Amino acid sequence: MTRTVILVGRWAVKVPTLRGMTTADARGRLAGVCRGILANQAEHIWHDYGPWAGRVAPVRRSLLLGLVQVYPRCEPLADGDRGPLPRLDPCPGDVKPDNYGRIEGRGRVVRVDYDMT
């Protein structure tokens, strides 16, 4: 896990994790923060990629070079409500139902985790 998601009203805010990626010491924590920033930057680049438009949660704000990223809040999919999941090409990997959600108010299913780092 490279990022922490904080839900605030209508918004989901992704920030780099403060947990260690490889170890729990300062080096591991720094690695986690750096990977989280790179993941946020990658999603900022890919969110408006033409073939993915409408299939991924759009980045509404990217602040401090990717340290903080803001998305519209998505609701998790119910177990019986999986249906067809949006396909992305190129595929960012890690295709699992937890990486998808329904954008509030629109009902559209989108990919919420599409880091390509």
N, C-alpha and C. Protein backbone atom coordinates (compact mmCIF):
# COMPACT_ATOMS: atom_id res chain seq x y z
N MET A 1 0.85 -1.17 0.00
CA MET A 1 0.00 0.00 0.00
C MET A 1 0.90 1.24 0.00
N THR A 2 0.63 2.14 -0.95
CA THR A 2 1.47 3.33 -1.07
C THR A 2 0.76 4.61 -0.65
N ARG A 3 -0.58 4.53 -0.52
CA ARG A 3 -1.32 5.74 -0.18
C ARG A 3 -2.41 5.46 0.84
N THR A 4 -2.79 6.53 1.51
CA THR A 4 -3.90 6.49 2.46
C THR A 4 -5.01 7.34 1.87
N VAL A 5 -6.24 6.86 1.94
CA VAL A 5 -7.39 7.61 1.44
C VAL A 5 -8.18 8.13 2.62
N ILE A 6 -8.43 9.44 2.60
CA ILE A 6 -9.21 10.09 3.65
C ILE A 6 -10.50 10.58 3.00
N LEU A 7 -11.64 10.15 3.53
CA LEU A 7 -12.94 10.55 2.98
C LEU A 7 -13.45 11.76 3.74
N VAL A 8 -13.72 12.84 2.98
CA VAL A 8 -14.18 14.10 3.57
C VAL A 8 -15.40 14.57 2.77
N GLY A 9 -16.58 14.35 3.32
CA GLY A 9 -17.79 14.77 2.61
C GLY A 9 -17.89 14.13 1.24
N ARG A 10 -17.96 14.96 0.19
CA ARG A 10 -18.09 14.48 -1.19
C ARG A 10 -16.76 14.11 -1.82
N TRP A 11 -15.69 14.20 -1.06
CA TRP A 11 -14.36 14.06 -1.64
C TRP A 11 -13.57 12.91 -1.03
N ALA A 12 -12.67 12.36 -1.85
CA ALA A 12 -11.69 11.37 -1.40
C ALA A 12 -10.32 12.02 -1.60
N VAL A 13 -9.53 12.04 -0.56
CA VAL A 13 -8.21 12.66 -0.61
C VAL A 13 -7.17 11.56 -0.45
N LYS A 14 -6.27 11.45 -1.44
CA LYS A 14 -5.20 10.45 -1.37
C LYS A 14 -3.90 11.15 -1.02
N VAL A 15 -3.24 10.62 0.02
CA VAL A 15 -1.93 11.12 0.45
C VAL A 15 -0.99 9.93 0.57
N PRO A 16 0.31 10.16 0.42
CA PRO A 16 1.25 9.05 0.57
C PRO A 16 1.16 8.43 1.97
N THR A 17 1.39 7.14 2.02
CA THR A 17 1.35 6.45 3.30
C THR A 17 2.53 6.86 4.17
N LEU A 18 2.34 6.85 5.46
CA LEU A 18 3.43 7.11 6.39
C LEU A 18 3.93 5.81 6.99
N ARG A 19 3.35 4.70 6.55
CA ARG A 19 3.84 3.40 6.99
C ARG A 19 5.03 3.03 6.13
N GLY A 20 5.92 2.28 6.66
CA GLY A 20 7.10 1.88 5.91
C GLY A 20 6.77 0.92 4.78
N MET A 21 7.35 1.15 3.61
CA MET A 21 7.15 0.25 2.47
C MET A 21 7.94 -1.04 2.66
N THR A 22 9.20 -0.90 2.97
CA THR A 22 10.06 -2.07 3.08
C THR A 22 10.41 -2.37 4.53
N THR A 23 10.59 -1.31 5.31
CA THR A 23 10.91 -1.45 6.74
C THR A 23 10.16 -0.37 7.49
N ALA A 24 10.10 -0.49 8.81
CA ALA A 24 9.37 0.48 9.63
C ALA A 24 10.25 1.66 10.06
N ASP A 25 11.50 1.68 9.62
CA ASP A 25 12.38 2.77 10.02
C ASP A 25 12.22 3.97 9.08
N ALA A 26 13.04 4.99 9.28
CA ALA A 26 12.93 6.22 8.49
C ALA A 26 13.11 5.95 6.99
N ARG A 27 14.01 5.07 6.64
CA ARG A 27 14.24 4.76 5.22
C ARG A 27 12.99 4.13 4.59
N GLY A 28 12.36 3.21 5.30
CA GLY A 28 11.14 2.57 4.79
C GLY A 28 9.99 3.56 4.67
N ARG A 29 9.88 4.46 5.64
CA ARG A 29 8.83 5.48 5.59
C ARG A 29 9.05 6.44 4.43
N LEU A 30 10.28 6.84 4.22
CA LEU A 30 10.60 7.72 3.10
C LEU A 30 10.28 7.04 1.77
N ALA A 31 10.59 5.75 1.67
CA ALA A 31 10.27 5.00 0.46
C ALA A 31 8.76 4.99 0.23
N GLY A 32 7.97 4.81 1.30
CA GLY A 32 6.51 4.82 1.17
C GLY A 32 5.98 6.15 0.71
N VAL A 33 6.51 7.23 1.25
CA VAL A 33 6.08 8.58 0.86
C VAL A 33 6.42 8.83 -0.61
N CYS A 34 7.63 8.47 -1.01
CA CYS A 34 8.04 8.68 -2.41
C CYS A 34 7.18 7.87 -3.37
N ARG A 35 6.92 6.60 -3.05
CA ARG A 35 6.07 5.77 -3.92
C ARG A 35 4.64 6.32 -3.97
N GLY A 36 4.14 6.84 -2.85
CA GLY A 36 2.80 7.43 -2.84
C GLY A 36 2.72 8.66 -3.71
N ILE A 37 3.75 9.51 -3.67
CA ILE A 37 3.77 10.70 -4.53
C ILE A 37 3.81 10.29 -5.99
N LEU A 38 4.64 9.30 -6.32
CA LEU A 38 4.71 8.83 -7.71
C LEU A 38 3.37 8.24 -8.16
N ALA A 39 2.69 7.51 -7.29
CA ALA A 39 1.38 6.94 -7.63
C ALA A 39 0.38 8.06 -7.89
N ASN A 40 0.37 9.09 -7.05
CA ASN A 40 -0.54 10.22 -7.27
C ASN A 40 -0.21 10.93 -8.57
N GLN A 41 1.06 11.14 -8.86
CA GLN A 41 1.44 11.80 -10.10
C GLN A 41 1.03 10.97 -11.31
N ALA A 42 1.18 9.65 -11.23
CA ALA A 42 0.78 8.78 -12.33
C ALA A 42 -0.73 8.88 -12.58
N GLU A 43 -1.53 8.86 -11.52
CA GLU A 43 -2.98 8.97 -11.71
C GLU A 43 -3.35 10.33 -12.26
N HIS A 44 -2.62 11.37 -11.88
CA HIS A 44 -2.90 12.70 -12.42
C HIS A 44 -2.64 12.72 -13.93
N ILE A 45 -1.60 12.04 -14.36
CA ILE A 45 -1.28 11.97 -15.79
C ILE A 45 -2.33 11.15 -16.55
N TRP A 46 -2.71 10.00 -15.99
CA TRP A 46 -3.59 9.07 -16.70
C TRP A 46 -5.07 9.40 -16.61
N HIS A 47 -5.51 10.22 -15.65
CA HIS A 47 -6.95 10.40 -15.46
C HIS A 47 -7.65 11.03 -16.66
N ASP A 48 -6.93 11.82 -17.46
CA ASP A 48 -7.58 12.42 -18.62
C ASP A 48 -7.11 11.83 -19.95
N TYR A 49 -6.51 10.64 -19.87
CA TYR A 49 -6.12 9.91 -21.07
C TYR A 49 -7.39 9.53 -21.83
N GLY A 50 -7.48 9.92 -23.08
CA GLY A 50 -8.68 9.77 -23.90
C GLY A 50 -9.44 8.46 -23.76
N PRO A 51 -8.80 7.31 -24.04
CA PRO A 51 -9.55 6.04 -23.95
C PRO A 51 -10.04 5.69 -22.54
N TRP A 52 -9.46 6.32 -21.52
CA TRP A 52 -9.88 6.04 -20.15
C TRP A 52 -10.95 7.00 -19.65
N ALA A 53 -11.25 8.04 -20.41
CA ALA A 53 -12.21 9.06 -19.97
C ALA A 53 -13.54 8.41 -19.56
N GLY A 54 -14.02 8.76 -18.38
CA GLY A 54 -15.26 8.22 -17.87
C GLY A 54 -15.14 6.84 -17.26
N ARG A 55 -13.96 6.24 -17.33
CA ARG A 55 -13.75 4.90 -16.79
C ARG A 55 -12.93 4.91 -15.51
N VAL A 56 -12.32 6.05 -15.19
CA VAL A 56 -11.52 6.18 -13.98
C VAL A 56 -12.03 7.38 -13.17
N ALA A 57 -11.80 7.33 -11.87
CA ALA A 57 -12.17 8.46 -11.01
C ALA A 57 -11.30 9.66 -11.42
N PRO A 58 -11.92 10.77 -11.76
CA PRO A 58 -11.14 11.92 -12.20
C PRO A 58 -10.45 12.64 -11.04
N VAL A 59 -9.24 13.11 -11.31
CA VAL A 59 -8.51 13.91 -10.33
C VAL A 59 -9.08 15.32 -10.40
N ARG A 60 -9.59 15.81 -9.30
CA ARG A 60 -10.15 17.17 -9.26
C ARG A 60 -9.10 18.20 -8.88
N ARG A 61 -8.15 17.80 -8.05
CA ARG A 61 -7.05 18.69 -7.64
C ARG A 61 -5.83 17.84 -7.34
N SER A 62 -4.69 18.34 -7.77
CA SER A 62 -3.42 17.74 -7.40
C SER A 62 -2.57 18.85 -6.80
N LEU A 63 -2.21 18.70 -5.55
CA LEU A 63 -1.52 19.76 -4.82
C LEU A 63 -0.13 19.31 -4.39
N LEU A 64 0.77 20.27 -4.33
CA LEU A 64 2.13 20.04 -3.82
C LEU A 64 2.83 18.91 -4.58
N LEU A 65 2.77 18.98 -5.91
CA LEU A 65 3.44 18.02 -6.79
C LEU A 65 3.01 16.58 -6.55
N GLY A 66 1.76 16.38 -6.16
CA GLY A 66 1.25 15.03 -5.96
C GLY A 66 1.24 14.57 -4.52
N LEU A 67 1.60 15.44 -3.59
CA LEU A 67 1.57 15.05 -2.19
C LEU A 67 0.12 14.86 -1.71
N VAL A 68 -0.78 15.67 -2.26
CA VAL A 68 -2.21 15.58 -1.92
C VAL A 68 -2.99 15.56 -3.22
N GLN A 69 -3.90 14.61 -3.33
CA GLN A 69 -4.71 14.50 -4.54
C GLN A 69 -6.18 14.35 -4.13
N VAL A 70 -7.06 15.08 -4.84
CA VAL A 70 -8.48 15.10 -4.50
C VAL A 70 -9.29 14.51 -5.65
N TYR A 71 -10.20 13.61 -5.31
CA TYR A 71 -11.08 12.93 -6.26
C TYR A 71 -12.52 13.07 -5.77
N PRO A 72 -13.51 12.89 -6.66
CA PRO A 72 -14.88 12.78 -6.15
C PRO A 72 -15.00 11.47 -5.38
N ARG A 73 -15.77 11.49 -4.33
CA ARG A 73 -15.93 10.29 -3.51
C ARG A 73 -16.71 9.23 -4.29
N CYS A 74 -16.26 8.01 -4.18
CA CYS A 74 -16.95 6.88 -4.80
C CYS A 74 -17.39 5.91 -3.71
N GLU A 75 -18.53 5.32 -3.92
CA GLU A 75 -19.03 4.33 -2.97
C GLU A 75 -18.55 2.95 -3.40
N PRO A 76 -18.20 2.09 -2.44
CA PRO A 76 -17.77 0.73 -2.80
C PRO A 76 -18.92 -0.01 -3.48
N LEU A 77 -18.56 -0.94 -4.33
CA LEU A 77 -19.58 -1.76 -4.99
C LEU A 77 -20.08 -2.81 -4.03
N ALA A 78 -21.38 -3.03 -4.04
CA ALA A 78 -21.97 -4.09 -3.22
C ALA A 78 -21.59 -5.44 -3.83
N ASP A 79 -21.58 -6.49 -3.02
CA ASP A 79 -21.18 -7.81 -3.51
C ASP A 79 -22.00 -8.25 -4.71
N GLY A 80 -23.30 -8.04 -4.69
CA GLY A 80 -24.15 -8.46 -5.80
C GLY A 80 -24.23 -7.44 -6.91
N ASP A 81 -23.52 -6.34 -6.78
CA ASP A 81 -23.63 -5.23 -7.73
C ASP A 81 -22.34 -5.04 -8.54
N ARG A 82 -21.59 -6.08 -8.72
CA ARG A 82 -20.30 -5.94 -9.41
C ARG A 82 -20.50 -5.63 -10.89
N GLY A 83 -21.35 -6.37 -11.56
CA GLY A 83 -21.61 -6.11 -12.98
C GLY A 83 -20.34 -6.05 -13.80
N PRO A 84 -20.43 -5.54 -15.01
CA PRO A 84 -19.21 -5.41 -15.82
C PRO A 84 -18.36 -4.25 -15.31
N LEU A 85 -17.09 -4.53 -15.11
CA LEU A 85 -16.16 -3.50 -14.65
C LEU A 85 -15.50 -2.85 -15.86
N PRO A 86 -15.26 -1.54 -15.80
CA PRO A 86 -14.62 -0.86 -16.93
C PRO A 86 -13.24 -1.47 -17.22
N ARG A 87 -13.00 -1.72 -18.49
CA ARG A 87 -11.70 -2.25 -18.91
C ARG A 87 -10.82 -1.10 -19.37
N LEU A 88 -9.56 -1.14 -18.98
CA LEU A 88 -8.62 -0.09 -19.35
C LEU A 88 -7.51 -0.69 -20.20
N ASP A 89 -7.12 0.03 -21.22
CA ASP A 89 -6.02 -0.38 -22.08
C ASP A 89 -5.09 0.80 -22.26
N PRO A 90 -3.86 0.75 -21.78
CA PRO A 90 -3.23 -0.39 -21.13
C PRO A 90 -3.81 -0.64 -19.74
N CYS A 91 -3.75 -1.87 -19.32
CA CYS A 91 -4.32 -2.25 -18.02
C CYS A 91 -3.31 -1.94 -16.91
N PRO A 92 -3.73 -1.20 -15.88
CA PRO A 92 -2.81 -0.89 -14.78
C PRO A 92 -2.55 -2.08 -13.86
N GLY A 93 -3.13 -3.21 -14.15
CA GLY A 93 -2.92 -4.40 -13.31
C GLY A 93 -3.80 -4.37 -12.07
N ASP A 94 -3.61 -5.35 -11.21
CA ASP A 94 -4.35 -5.46 -9.96
C ASP A 94 -5.85 -5.29 -10.17
N VAL A 95 -6.40 -6.10 -11.08
CA VAL A 95 -7.82 -6.03 -11.40
C VAL A 95 -8.59 -6.82 -10.34
N LYS A 96 -9.12 -6.08 -9.38
CA LYS A 96 -9.93 -6.69 -8.33
C LYS A 96 -11.09 -5.75 -8.03
N PRO A 97 -12.21 -6.28 -7.57
CA PRO A 97 -13.40 -5.44 -7.34
C PRO A 97 -13.16 -4.26 -6.40
N ASP A 98 -12.23 -4.40 -5.44
CA ASP A 98 -11.96 -3.30 -4.50
C ASP A 98 -11.39 -2.07 -5.19
N ASN A 99 -10.86 -2.21 -6.38
CA ASN A 99 -10.28 -1.08 -7.11
C ASN A 99 -11.32 -0.32 -7.93
N TYR A 100 -12.59 -0.64 -7.73
CA TYR A 100 -13.67 0.02 -8.46
C TYR A 100 -14.68 0.58 -7.48
N GLY A 101 -15.39 1.61 -7.91
CA GLY A 101 -16.42 2.21 -7.08
C GLY A 101 -17.44 2.91 -7.96
N ARG A 102 -18.51 3.34 -7.33
CA ARG A 102 -19.58 4.03 -8.04
C ARG A 102 -19.52 5.50 -7.64
N ILE A 103 -19.37 6.38 -8.64
CA ILE A 103 -19.32 7.82 -8.36
C ILE A 103 -20.67 8.26 -7.82
N GLU A 104 -20.64 8.95 -6.67
CA GLU A 104 -21.86 9.42 -6.02
C GLU A 104 -22.67 10.29 -6.96
N GLY A 105 -23.97 10.07 -6.96
CA GLY A 105 -24.88 10.92 -7.72
C GLY A 105 -24.96 10.57 -9.20
N ARG A 106 -23.97 9.85 -9.72
CA ARG A 106 -23.97 9.52 -11.14
C ARG A 106 -24.26 8.05 -11.39
N GLY A 107 -23.94 7.22 -10.41
CA GLY A 107 -24.19 5.80 -10.55
C GLY A 107 -23.22 5.07 -11.47
N ARG A 108 -22.26 5.77 -12.03
CA ARG A 108 -21.32 5.17 -12.97
C ARG A 108 -20.20 4.46 -12.21
N VAL A 109 -19.86 3.25 -12.65
CA VAL A 109 -18.76 2.50 -12.05
C VAL A 109 -17.45 2.95 -12.71
N VAL A 110 -16.46 3.27 -11.87
CA VAL A 110 -15.16 3.71 -12.35
C VAL A 110 -14.05 3.01 -11.59
N ARG A 111 -12.89 3.03 -12.17
CA ARG A 111 -11.70 2.50 -11.50
C ARG A 111 -11.21 3.58 -10.54
N VAL A 112 -11.00 3.24 -9.27
CA VAL A 112 -10.57 4.23 -8.29
C VAL A 112 -9.08 4.14 -7.98
N ASP A 113 -8.43 3.04 -8.37
CA ASP A 113 -7.00 2.89 -8.18
C ASP A 113 -6.41 2.45 -9.51
N TYR A 114 -5.70 3.36 -10.17
CA TYR A 114 -5.16 3.05 -11.49
C TYR A 114 -3.73 3.55 -11.65
N ASP A 115 -2.99 3.46 -10.57
CA ASP A 115 -1.58 3.85 -10.56
C ASP A 115 -0.81 3.00 -11.57
N MET A 116 -0.01 3.66 -12.40
CA MET A 116 0.76 2.93 -13.43
C MET A 116 2.27 2.99 -13.17
N THR A 117 2.69 3.21 -11.91
CA THR A 117 4.13 3.29 -11.65
C THR A 117 4.73 1.91 -11.52
